[in-house]
Amino acid sequence: MIRKKRTIPPEILILEALLRRLRSNHPKIPQIQAELAKRKKGYRGELSVNYYLDLIDKLEFLILHDIRLSDSKSYFQIDTLILTPHFFLILEIKNIAGILFFENDSNQMIRTLNNVEEGMENPILQARRHTRQLKSWLIQRKLPLLPIEYLVIISDPKTIIKASRTSIFTKVMHSTNLPFIFEKIEKTHTKETLTMKEMRKIAGTIEKHHTLKKPDYLKKFSLLQSDIQKGVLCPKCLALPMGRKKGFWYCPKCQTNSGDAHIEALGDYAKLINSMITNQQVREFLQIPSSKVARNILESMKLSSTGTTKSRTYHLPQYQYLHTTT
């Protein structure tokens, strides 16, 4: 049973918003596009594993995707966590092309692509680390502790996996092997320890403490807020800015009208600048002169707010406005 669905990573949403808001000839665009392509590839890899997860999905299991928790020392992120009455299973999903060689003695992973060798972070060590961190996290909250297993799933079926020892293949595999390895793990953990009620409590606590990551891509790419173009984007031709007339947005370039184009614009503001916004900041970003129009827009969105009328601050959801392609 899917308890927490897989959603589009914040990194993708922020990068797409950033590309929409930079001038077309900005010198940082190629770097941002490369980062976005990498993030989308990883997300596609995670999505491709869902088919094989469906083959092991049972009513007595709880599956949580994209979990980010803090063990009081640092944050750790788990691609997929499966809770069963007998054991917990962490899936570390990688969408890496080429030939992967796992060297057991040095704990190194070497990737060969286009005849070029490079060392990469070993996902086995990453999964082991997450296992320790999850164990610590459960103990800190006095939650039931079951055996925690882990698997590294290579989602690209064309990727060749090699290893210095065959035992590595019990932990690293292509997606197609997941249901069969899962059955083997089940057979080694036959003692039923948790009830569904207890599993739901654990899952609920995990969801409560799950924290979204918001990368600072302006800092990473050495961008300033002044690089972010203001205004409402035309939903049809993506021209900036749309004008406001009689309660509608209109595009002077393609003549498109829209009643709600400001929603995505404010979503971009939340992703790139701040999830808190005032009436004055709305006017500046949407490029409208009227405080009354700005107030009407904010009230129509039914946003939560703090403060009095003159100093009221509105809370913008950061990640729900954007439709993206993968």
Protein backbone atom coordinates (compact mmCIF):
# COMPACT_ATOMS: atom_id res chain seq x y z
CA MET A 1 0.00 0.00 0.00
CA ILE A 2 1.49 3.33 -1.05
CA ARG A 3 1.50 5.53 2.04
CA LYS A 4 3.55 8.43 0.63
CA LYS A 5 3.56 8.90 -3.13
CA ARG A 6 6.56 9.81 -5.23
CA THR A 7 6.40 13.46 -6.23
CA ILE A 8 8.40 15.70 -8.54
CA PRO A 9 11.59 16.66 -6.66
CA PRO A 10 11.85 20.30 -5.54
CA GLU A 11 15.17 20.55 -7.41
CA ILE A 12 13.39 20.03 -10.75
CA LEU A 13 10.64 22.52 -9.93
CA ILE A 14 13.12 25.20 -8.84
CA LEU A 15 15.40 24.71 -11.85
CA GLU A 16 12.48 24.92 -14.29
CA ALA A 17 11.25 28.09 -12.60
CA LEU A 18 14.76 29.51 -12.81
CA LEU A 19 15.01 28.83 -16.55
CA ARG A 20 11.65 30.50 -17.11
CA ARG A 21 12.77 33.60 -15.25
CA LEU A 22 16.20 34.23 -16.77
CA ARG A 23 16.64 36.23 -19.94
CA SER A 24 17.10 33.92 -22.94
CA ASN A 25 20.76 34.86 -23.47
CA HIS A 26 21.86 34.53 -19.84
CA PRO A 27 25.33 32.89 -19.69
CA LYS A 28 24.36 30.52 -16.85
CA ILE A 29 21.54 28.85 -18.80
CA PRO A 30 23.66 25.95 -20.19
CA GLN A 31 24.85 25.04 -16.68
CA ILE A 32 21.29 25.15 -15.33
CA GLN A 33 19.99 23.06 -18.23
CA ALA A 34 22.68 20.43 -17.56
CA GLU A 35 21.75 20.30 -13.88
CA LEU A 36 18.06 20.00 -14.76
CA ALA A 37 18.74 17.18 -17.23
CA LYS A 38 20.66 15.28 -14.52
CA ARG A 39 17.85 15.74 -11.99
CA LYS A 40 15.20 14.65 -14.47
CA LYS A 41 17.18 11.56 -15.38
CA GLY A 42 17.35 10.55 -11.72
CA TYR A 43 13.63 11.14 -11.29
CA ARG A 44 12.80 9.08 -14.40
CA GLY A 45 14.87 6.28 -12.92
CA GLU A 46 12.87 6.37 -9.70
CA LEU A 47 9.59 6.37 -11.62
CA SER A 48 10.67 3.36 -13.68
CA VAL A 49 11.07 1.30 -10.51
CA ASN A 50 7.41 1.83 -9.60
CA TYR A 51 6.33 -0.96 -11.97
CA TYR A 52 8.43 -3.53 -10.11
CA LEU A 53 7.34 -2.16 -6.75
CA ASP A 54 3.75 -2.83 -7.80
CA LEU A 55 4.66 -6.52 -8.13
CA ILE A 56 5.57 -6.72 -4.44
CA ASP A 57 3.02 -4.22 -3.12
CA LYS A 58 0.74 -5.93 -0.62
CA LEU A 59 -1.95 -4.67 1.74
CA GLU A 60 0.18 -5.54 4.77
CA PHE A 61 3.10 -3.39 3.55
CA LEU A 62 3.45 0.39 3.68
CA ILE A 63 5.58 2.10 1.01
CA LEU A 64 6.92 5.62 1.47
CA HIS A 65 8.74 7.46 -1.31
CA ASP A 66 11.13 10.42 -1.09
CA ILE A 67 11.72 10.59 2.65
CA ARG A 68 14.05 13.23 4.10
CA LEU A 69 14.68 13.07 7.84
CA SER A 70 17.16 14.46 10.35
CA ASP A 71 18.99 12.22 12.83
CA SER A 72 19.92 15.34 14.88
CA LYS A 73 23.34 15.46 13.20
CA SER A 74 22.43 15.77 9.53
CA TYR A 75 19.65 15.14 7.04
CA PHE A 76 19.39 11.89 5.12
CA GLN A 77 17.18 11.09 2.16
CA ILE A 78 15.69 7.70 1.30
CA ASP A 79 14.38 7.10 -2.21
CA THR A 80 11.93 4.39 -1.12
CA LEU A 81 11.24 2.86 2.28
CA ILE A 82 9.12 -0.29 2.62
CA LEU A 83 7.66 -1.14 6.02
CA THR A 84 6.61 -4.75 6.53
CA PRO A 85 5.55 -6.60 9.70
CA HIS A 86 8.86 -8.51 9.55
CA PHE A 87 11.52 -6.02 8.39
CA PHE A 88 12.14 -2.61 6.84
CA LEU A 89 13.71 -2.20 3.40
CA ILE A 90 15.56 0.82 2.02
CA LEU A 91 15.84 1.19 -1.76
CA GLU A 92 18.63 3.39 -3.11
CA ILE A 93 17.72 4.02 -6.77
CA LYS A 94 20.35 5.09 -9.31
CA ASN A 95 19.87 5.91 -12.99
CA ILE A 96 23.49 5.65 -14.16
CA ALA A 97 24.55 4.72 -17.69
CA GLY A 98 27.65 2.80 -18.75
CA ILE A 99 29.57 0.01 -17.04
CA LEU A 100 29.60 0.03 -13.23
CA PHE A 101 32.32 -1.88 -11.41
CA PHE A 102 32.00 -2.40 -7.64
CA GLU A 103 35.36 -3.08 -6.01
CA ASN A 104 34.69 -4.77 -2.68
CA ASP A 105 38.05 -4.29 -0.92
CA SER A 106 38.25 -0.54 -1.54
CA ASN A 107 34.48 0.00 -1.44
CA GLN A 108 34.83 1.98 -4.66
CA MET A 109 32.48 2.21 -7.62
CA ILE A 110 34.04 2.94 -10.99
CA ARG A 111 31.91 3.97 -13.95
CA THR A 112 33.14 3.54 -17.54
CA LEU A 113 31.28 5.55 -20.17
CA ASN A 114 32.54 6.28 -23.68
CA ASN A 115 35.88 4.67 -22.77
CA VAL A 116 36.37 7.12 -19.89
CA GLU A 117 36.74 5.81 -16.33
CA GLU A 118 35.66 7.85 -13.34
CA GLY A 119 35.19 7.15 -9.66
CA MET A 120 31.71 7.81 -8.30
CA GLU A 121 30.13 7.70 -4.85
CA ASN A 122 29.45 4.09 -3.96
CA PRO A 123 25.66 3.75 -3.53
CA ILE A 124 26.20 0.68 -1.32
CA LEU A 125 27.96 2.86 1.25
CA GLN A 126 25.23 5.44 0.85
CA ALA A 127 22.53 2.83 1.55
CA ARG A 128 24.47 1.48 4.54
CA ARG A 129 24.77 4.98 5.93
CA HIS A 130 21.04 5.56 5.52
CA THR A 131 20.39 2.26 7.29
CA ARG A 132 22.38 3.42 10.29
CA GLN A 133 20.75 6.83 10.27
CA LEU A 134 17.24 5.37 10.06
CA LYS A 135 18.03 3.01 12.94
CA SER A 136 19.26 5.92 15.04
CA TRP A 137 16.21 7.99 14.08
CA LEU A 138 13.81 5.22 15.17
CA ILE A 139 15.65 4.67 18.46
CA GLN A 140 15.60 8.40 19.27
CA ARG A 141 11.81 8.39 18.98
CA LYS A 142 11.37 5.09 20.84
CA LEU A 143 9.73 3.51 17.79
CA PRO A 144 9.83 -0.25 17.16
CA LEU A 145 13.12 -1.33 15.60
CA LEU A 146 13.02 -4.17 13.11
CA PRO A 147 15.86 -5.54 10.96
CA ILE A 148 16.64 -2.95 8.29
CA GLU A 149 17.67 -4.29 4.88
CA TYR A 150 18.86 -2.27 1.91
CA LEU A 151 19.13 -2.71 -1.85
CA VAL A 152 20.75 -0.61 -4.57
CA ILE A 153 18.55 -0.55 -7.66
CA ILE A 154 20.11 0.37 -11.03
CA SER A 155 17.13 1.56 -13.04
CA ASP A 156 18.73 1.74 -16.51
CA PRO A 157 18.45 -1.80 -17.98
CA LYS A 158 21.31 -1.07 -20.41
CA THR A 159 23.77 -0.42 -17.61
CA ILE A 160 26.26 -3.27 -17.12
CA ILE A 161 26.97 -4.16 -13.50
CA LYS A 162 30.27 -5.82 -12.61
CA ALA A 163 31.79 -6.61 -9.24
CA SER A 164 34.94 -8.04 -7.69
CA ARG A 165 32.81 -10.40 -5.59
CA THR A 166 29.55 -12.11 -6.49
CA SER A 167 28.11 -11.31 -3.03
CA ILE A 168 27.69 -7.71 -4.18
CA PHE A 169 24.92 -8.84 -6.53
CA THR A 170 22.74 -9.63 -3.50
CA LYS A 171 22.72 -5.88 -2.80
CA VAL A 172 23.07 -4.30 -6.27
CA MET A 173 20.75 -5.21 -9.12
CA HIS A 174 18.59 -4.03 -11.98
CA SER A 175 14.95 -3.16 -11.31
CA THR A 176 13.73 -6.41 -12.89
CA ASN A 177 15.37 -8.42 -10.09
CA LEU A 178 13.67 -6.49 -7.28
CA PRO A 179 10.59 -8.78 -6.84
CA PHE A 180 12.74 -11.92 -6.72
CA ILE A 181 15.31 -10.54 -4.27
CA PHE A 182 12.47 -9.21 -2.15
CA GLU A 183 11.05 -12.73 -1.89
CA LYS A 184 14.45 -14.00 -0.69
CA ILE A 185 14.60 -11.29 1.97
CA GLU A 186 11.08 -12.19 3.11
CA LYS A 187 12.13 -15.80 3.65
CA THR A 188 14.93 -14.74 6.00
CA HIS A 189 12.58 -12.68 8.20
CA THR A 190 9.62 -14.84 9.18
CA LYS A 191 8.86 -13.46 12.64
CA GLU A 192 5.88 -11.10 12.49
CA THR A 193 6.70 -8.27 14.88
CA LEU A 194 4.47 -5.35 13.94
CA THR A 195 0.73 -4.96 13.52
CA MET A 196 -0.69 -2.70 10.84
CA LYS A 197 -1.65 -0.21 13.54
CA GLU A 198 1.98 -0.04 14.71
CA MET A 199 3.24 0.30 11.14
CA ARG A 200 0.83 3.15 10.50
CA LYS A 201 2.12 4.89 13.62
CA ILE A 202 5.71 4.60 12.36
CA ALA A 203 4.71 5.80 8.88
CA GLY A 204 2.77 8.71 10.36
CA THR A 205 5.73 9.78 12.47
CA ILE A 206 8.02 9.60 9.44
CA GLU A 207 5.62 11.73 7.38
CA LYS A 208 5.32 14.24 10.22
CA HIS A 209 9.10 14.69 10.40
CA HIS A 210 9.69 14.59 6.64
CA THR A 211 11.33 17.87 5.59
CA LEU A 212 11.42 19.14 2.03
CA LYS A 213 14.75 20.31 0.74
CA LYS A 214 14.96 23.71 -0.92
CA PRO A 215 18.31 24.06 -2.69
CA ASP A 216 19.66 27.59 -3.08
CA TYR A 217 20.30 27.53 -6.82
CA LEU A 218 20.76 31.29 -6.96
CA LYS A 219 23.81 30.84 -4.74
CA LYS A 220 25.00 27.71 -6.55
CA PHE A 221 24.99 29.43 -9.94
CA SER A 222 26.16 32.81 -8.56
CA LEU A 223 22.92 34.54 -9.52
CA LEU A 224 21.33 37.65 -8.00
CA GLN A 225 17.66 38.30 -7.38
CA SER A 226 17.96 41.02 -10.01
CA ASP A 227 18.63 38.25 -12.56
CA ILE A 228 15.09 36.96 -11.97
CA GLN A 229 12.72 38.56 -14.46
CA LYS A 230 9.53 39.90 -12.92
CA GLY A 231 6.02 39.79 -14.32
CA VAL A 232 3.37 37.23 -15.22
CA LEU A 233 4.38 34.73 -17.91
CA CYS A 234 2.01 34.12 -20.79
CA PRO A 235 0.84 30.48 -20.45
CA LYS A 236 0.81 30.11 -24.25
CA CYS A 237 3.91 31.86 -25.64
CA LEU A 238 5.84 32.41 -22.36
CA ALA A 239 6.29 36.11 -23.11
CA LEU A 240 6.94 38.52 -20.24
CA PRO A 241 5.14 40.43 -18.89
CA MET A 242 1.39 40.01 -19.31
CA GLY A 243 -0.76 43.05 -18.67
CA ARG A 244 -3.75 43.31 -16.32
CA LYS A 245 -7.11 44.53 -17.58
CA LYS A 246 -10.64 44.12 -16.16
CA GLY A 247 -9.72 41.20 -13.91
CA PHE A 248 -7.79 39.30 -16.60
CA TRP A 249 -4.21 38.94 -17.69
CA TYR A 250 -3.57 39.58 -21.38
CA CYS A 251 -0.53 38.95 -23.52
CA PRO A 252 0.36 41.82 -25.87
CA LYS A 253 2.42 39.42 -27.98
CA CYS A 254 -0.04 36.58 -28.77
CA GLN A 255 -3.29 38.13 -27.46
CA THR A 256 -3.90 35.27 -25.00
CA ASN A 257 -6.13 36.02 -21.99
CA SER A 258 -5.91 34.28 -18.63
CA GLY A 259 -7.75 34.60 -15.34
CA ASP A 260 -5.17 32.82 -13.21
CA ALA A 261 -1.73 33.19 -14.81
CA HIS A 262 -0.59 34.93 -11.61
CA ILE A 263 -0.72 31.59 -9.72
CA GLU A 264 2.30 30.15 -11.48
CA ALA A 265 4.08 33.49 -11.26
CA LEU A 266 3.69 33.55 -7.48
CA GLY A 267 4.75 29.91 -7.44
CA ASP A 268 7.98 30.97 -9.14
CA TYR A 269 8.43 33.68 -6.51
CA ALA A 270 8.06 31.09 -3.74
CA LYS A 271 10.54 28.70 -5.37
CA LEU A 272 13.20 31.26 -6.21
CA ILE A 273 12.89 34.08 -3.69
CA ASN A 274 10.71 33.47 -0.64
CA SER A 275 7.58 31.58 0.36
CA MET A 276 6.46 34.65 2.35
CA ILE A 277 5.16 37.68 0.47
CA THR A 278 3.55 41.04 1.19
CA ASN A 279 1.08 43.09 -0.84
CA GLN A 280 3.87 45.42 -1.92
CA GLN A 281 6.06 42.51 -3.03
CA VAL A 282 3.15 41.07 -5.03
CA ARG A 283 2.77 44.37 -6.83
CA GLU A 284 6.47 44.56 -7.57
CA PHE A 285 6.78 40.99 -8.80
CA LEU A 286 3.56 40.83 -10.83
CA GLN A 287 4.12 44.40 -11.98
CA ILE A 288 0.73 45.80 -11.07
CA PRO A 289 0.28 49.27 -9.53
CA SER A 290 -2.89 48.70 -7.48
CA SER A 291 -2.68 47.44 -3.88
CA LYS A 292 -6.41 46.62 -4.12
CA VAL A 293 -5.85 44.34 -7.13
CA ALA A 294 -2.94 42.68 -5.34
CA ARG A 295 -5.09 42.12 -2.26
CA ASN A 296 -7.91 40.65 -4.35
CA ILE A 297 -5.47 38.26 -6.02
CA LEU A 298 -4.06 37.12 -2.67
CA GLU A 299 -7.49 36.68 -1.11
CA SER A 300 -8.75 34.73 -4.14
CA MET A 301 -5.94 32.22 -3.58
CA LYS A 302 -7.12 31.62 0.01
CA LEU A 303 -3.61 31.79 1.44
CA SER A 304 -2.84 31.67 5.13
CA SER A 305 -1.40 34.90 6.49
CA THR A 306 0.09 36.53 9.58
CA GLY A 307 0.09 40.11 10.80
CA THR A 308 -2.34 43.00 10.60
CA THR A 309 -3.79 44.57 7.47
CA LYS A 310 -0.90 46.96 6.81
CA SER A 311 1.89 44.53 7.63
CA ARG A 312 0.21 41.29 6.59
CA THR A 313 2.44 38.56 5.19
CA TYR A 314 1.01 35.77 3.04
CA HIS A 315 2.32 32.19 2.94
CA LEU A 316 2.84 30.80 -0.56
CA PRO A 317 2.99 27.02 -1.15
CA GLN A 318 6.35 26.40 -2.81
CA TYR A 319 5.93 23.34 -5.01
CA GLN A 320 2.34 22.84 -6.09
CA TYR A 321 1.93 25.25 -8.97
CA LEU A 322 4.20 23.80 -11.61
CA HIS A 323 3.38 21.29 -14.34
CA THR A 324 6.57 19.67 -15.53
CA THR A 325 7.71 17.19 -18.12
CA THR A 326 10.22 14.46 -17.29
